[in-house]
């Protein structure tokens, strides 16, 4: 099976993906990189807020909420 490339906001709940590229701008990109969200990082959506935005993602032993505005700029493969 060939890997599919999508954006993080489209990754189904409880499926794990691997970060390919972080396309966010400026301070947001810096924060995500500082948290360890770099190419090759395994990431999985685990919680959705009642309003559907943000979603919480688990990666590198952490649980981090990321807004759809930003998760739509993170390319992953799964």
C-alpha atoms as a PDB file:
ATOM      1  CA  UNK A   1       0.000   0.000   0.000  1.00  0.00           C
ATOM      2  CA  UNK A   2       1.316   3.416  -0.960  1.00  0.00           C
ATOM      3  CA  UNK A   3       1.477   6.150   1.681  1.00  0.00           C
ATOM      4  CA  UNK A   4      -1.005   8.973   1.267  1.00  0.00           C
ATOM      5  CA  UNK A   5      -0.107  12.621   1.844  1.00  0.00           C
ATOM      6  CA  UNK A   6      -2.738  14.831   3.472  1.00  0.00           C
ATOM      7  CA  UNK A   7      -2.828  17.728   5.894  1.00  0.00           C
ATOM      8  CA  UNK A   8      -2.998  17.061   9.621  1.00  0.00           C
ATOM      9  CA  UNK A   9      -6.538  18.460   9.978  1.00  0.00           C
ATOM     10  CA  UNK A  10      -7.783  15.674   7.640  1.00  0.00           C
ATOM     11  CA  UNK A  11      -6.170  12.797   9.578  1.00  0.00           C
ATOM     12  CA  UNK A  12      -8.910  10.540  11.017  1.00  0.00           C
ATOM     13  CA  UNK A  13      -9.118  10.139  14.790  1.00  0.00           C
ATOM     14  CA  UNK A  14      -6.795   7.566  16.342  1.00  0.00           C
ATOM     15  CA  UNK A  15      -4.849   6.968  13.099  1.00  0.00           C
ATOM     16  CA  UNK A  16      -1.154   7.737  13.248  1.00  0.00           C
ATOM     17  CA  UNK A  17       0.604   9.841  10.632  1.00  0.00           C
ATOM     18  CA  UNK A  18       4.165  11.016  10.104  1.00  0.00           C
ATOM     19  CA  UNK A  19       5.008  14.698   9.676  1.00  0.00           C
ATOM     20  CA  UNK A  20       6.407  15.526   6.247  1.00  0.00           C
ATOM     21  CA  UNK A  21       6.503  19.334   6.392  1.00  0.00           C
ATOM     22  CA  UNK A  22       5.383  22.212   8.623  1.00  0.00           C
ATOM     23  CA  UNK A  23       4.201  25.087   6.411  1.00  0.00           C
ATOM     24  CA  UNK A  24       2.989  27.445   9.162  1.00  0.00           C
ATOM     25  CA  UNK A  25       4.439  30.946   9.343  1.00  0.00           C
ATOM     26  CA  UNK A  26       6.582  32.788  11.835  1.00  0.00           C
ATOM     27  CA  UNK A  27       5.973  32.344  15.533  1.00  0.00           C
ATOM     28  CA  UNK A  28       3.515  29.453  15.126  1.00  0.00           C
ATOM     29  CA  UNK A  29       6.024  27.442  13.106  1.00  0.00           C
ATOM     30  CA  UNK A  30       8.753  28.199  15.651  1.00  0.00           C
ATOM     31  CA  UNK A  31       6.550  26.995  18.541  1.00  0.00           C
ATOM     32  CA  UNK A  32       5.609  23.773  16.774  1.00  0.00           C
ATOM     33  CA  UNK A  33       9.232  23.058  15.885  1.00  0.00           C
ATOM     34  CA  UNK A  34      10.302  23.799  19.473  1.00  0.00           C
ATOM     35  CA  UNK A  35       7.720  21.269  20.689  1.00  0.00           C
ATOM     36  CA  UNK A  36       9.346  18.653  18.468  1.00  0.00           C
ATOM     37  CA  UNK A  37       6.902  18.651  15.569  1.00  0.00           C
ATOM     38  CA  UNK A  38       9.533  18.087  12.895  1.00  0.00           C
ATOM     39  CA  UNK A  39       9.781  15.902   9.794  1.00  0.00           C
ATOM     40  CA  UNK A  40       9.527  12.229  10.736  1.00  0.00           C
ATOM     41  CA  UNK A  41       7.556  12.791  13.961  1.00  0.00           C
ATOM     42  CA  UNK A  42       4.683  10.348  14.544  1.00  0.00           C
ATOM     43  CA  UNK A  43       1.449  12.178  15.399  1.00  0.00           C
ATOM     44  CA  UNK A  44      -2.091  11.039  16.182  1.00  0.00           C
ATOM     45  CA  UNK A  45      -5.323  13.027  16.764  1.00  0.00           C
ATOM     46  CA  UNK A  46      -6.891  11.881  20.045  1.00  0.00           C
ATOM     47  CA  UNK A  47      -9.450  14.508  21.120  1.00  0.00           C
ATOM     48  CA  UNK A  48     -11.807  16.968  19.435  1.00  0.00           C
ATOM     49  CA  UNK A  49     -13.214  19.966  21.278  1.00  0.00           C
ATOM     50  CA  UNK A  50     -17.022  20.349  21.377  1.00  0.00           C
ATOM     51  CA  UNK A  51     -16.794  23.134  18.780  1.00  0.00           C
ATOM     52  CA  UNK A  52     -14.629  20.824  16.559  1.00  0.00           C
ATOM     53  CA  UNK A  53     -11.681  23.244  16.718  1.00  0.00           C
ATOM     54  CA  UNK A  54      -9.045  22.808  18.082  1.00  0.00           C
ATOM     55  CA  UNK A  55      -8.148  19.141  18.061  1.00  0.00           C
ATOM     56  CA  UNK A  56      -5.661  17.582  20.473  1.00  0.00           C
ATOM     57  CA  UNK A  57      -2.780  15.592  19.038  1.00  0.00           C
ATOM     58  CA  UNK A  58      -0.407  13.183  20.726  1.00  0.00           C
ATOM     59  CA  UNK A  59       3.236  13.232  19.683  1.00  0.00           C
ATOM     60  CA  UNK A  60       6.542  12.656  21.462  1.00  0.00           C
ATOM     61  CA  UNK A  61       4.695  11.791  24.686  1.00  0.00           C
ATOM     62  CA  UNK A  62       2.800  15.094  24.755  1.00  0.00           C
ATOM     63  CA  UNK A  63      -0.797  16.097  24.164  1.00  0.00           C
ATOM     64  CA  UNK A  64      -1.025  19.417  22.311  1.00  0.00           C
ATOM     65  CA  UNK A  65      -4.095  21.272  20.989  1.00  0.00           C
ATOM     66  CA  UNK A  66      -3.631  22.708  17.499  1.00  0.00           C
ATOM     67  CA  UNK A  67      -6.168  24.918  15.726  1.00  0.00           C
ATOM     68  CA  UNK A  68      -7.466  23.856  12.312  1.00  0.00           C
ATOM     69  CA  UNK A  69      -5.990  27.044  10.846  1.00  0.00           C
ATOM     70  CA  UNK A  70      -2.537  25.713  11.754  1.00  0.00           C
ATOM     71  CA  UNK A  71      -3.083  21.952  11.377  1.00  0.00           C
ATOM     72  CA  UNK A  72      -4.207  22.530   7.787  1.00  0.00           C
ATOM     73  CA  UNK A  73      -0.649  23.746   7.087  1.00  0.00           C
ATOM     74  CA  UNK A  74       1.076  20.590   8.351  1.00  0.00           C
ATOM     75  CA  UNK A  75       1.620  17.930   5.674  1.00  0.00           C
ATOM     76  CA  UNK A  76       1.674  14.325   6.844  1.00  0.00           C
ATOM     77  CA  UNK A  77       1.759  10.848   5.361  1.00  0.00           C
ATOM     78  CA  UNK A  78      -0.127   7.835   6.636  1.00  0.00           C
END
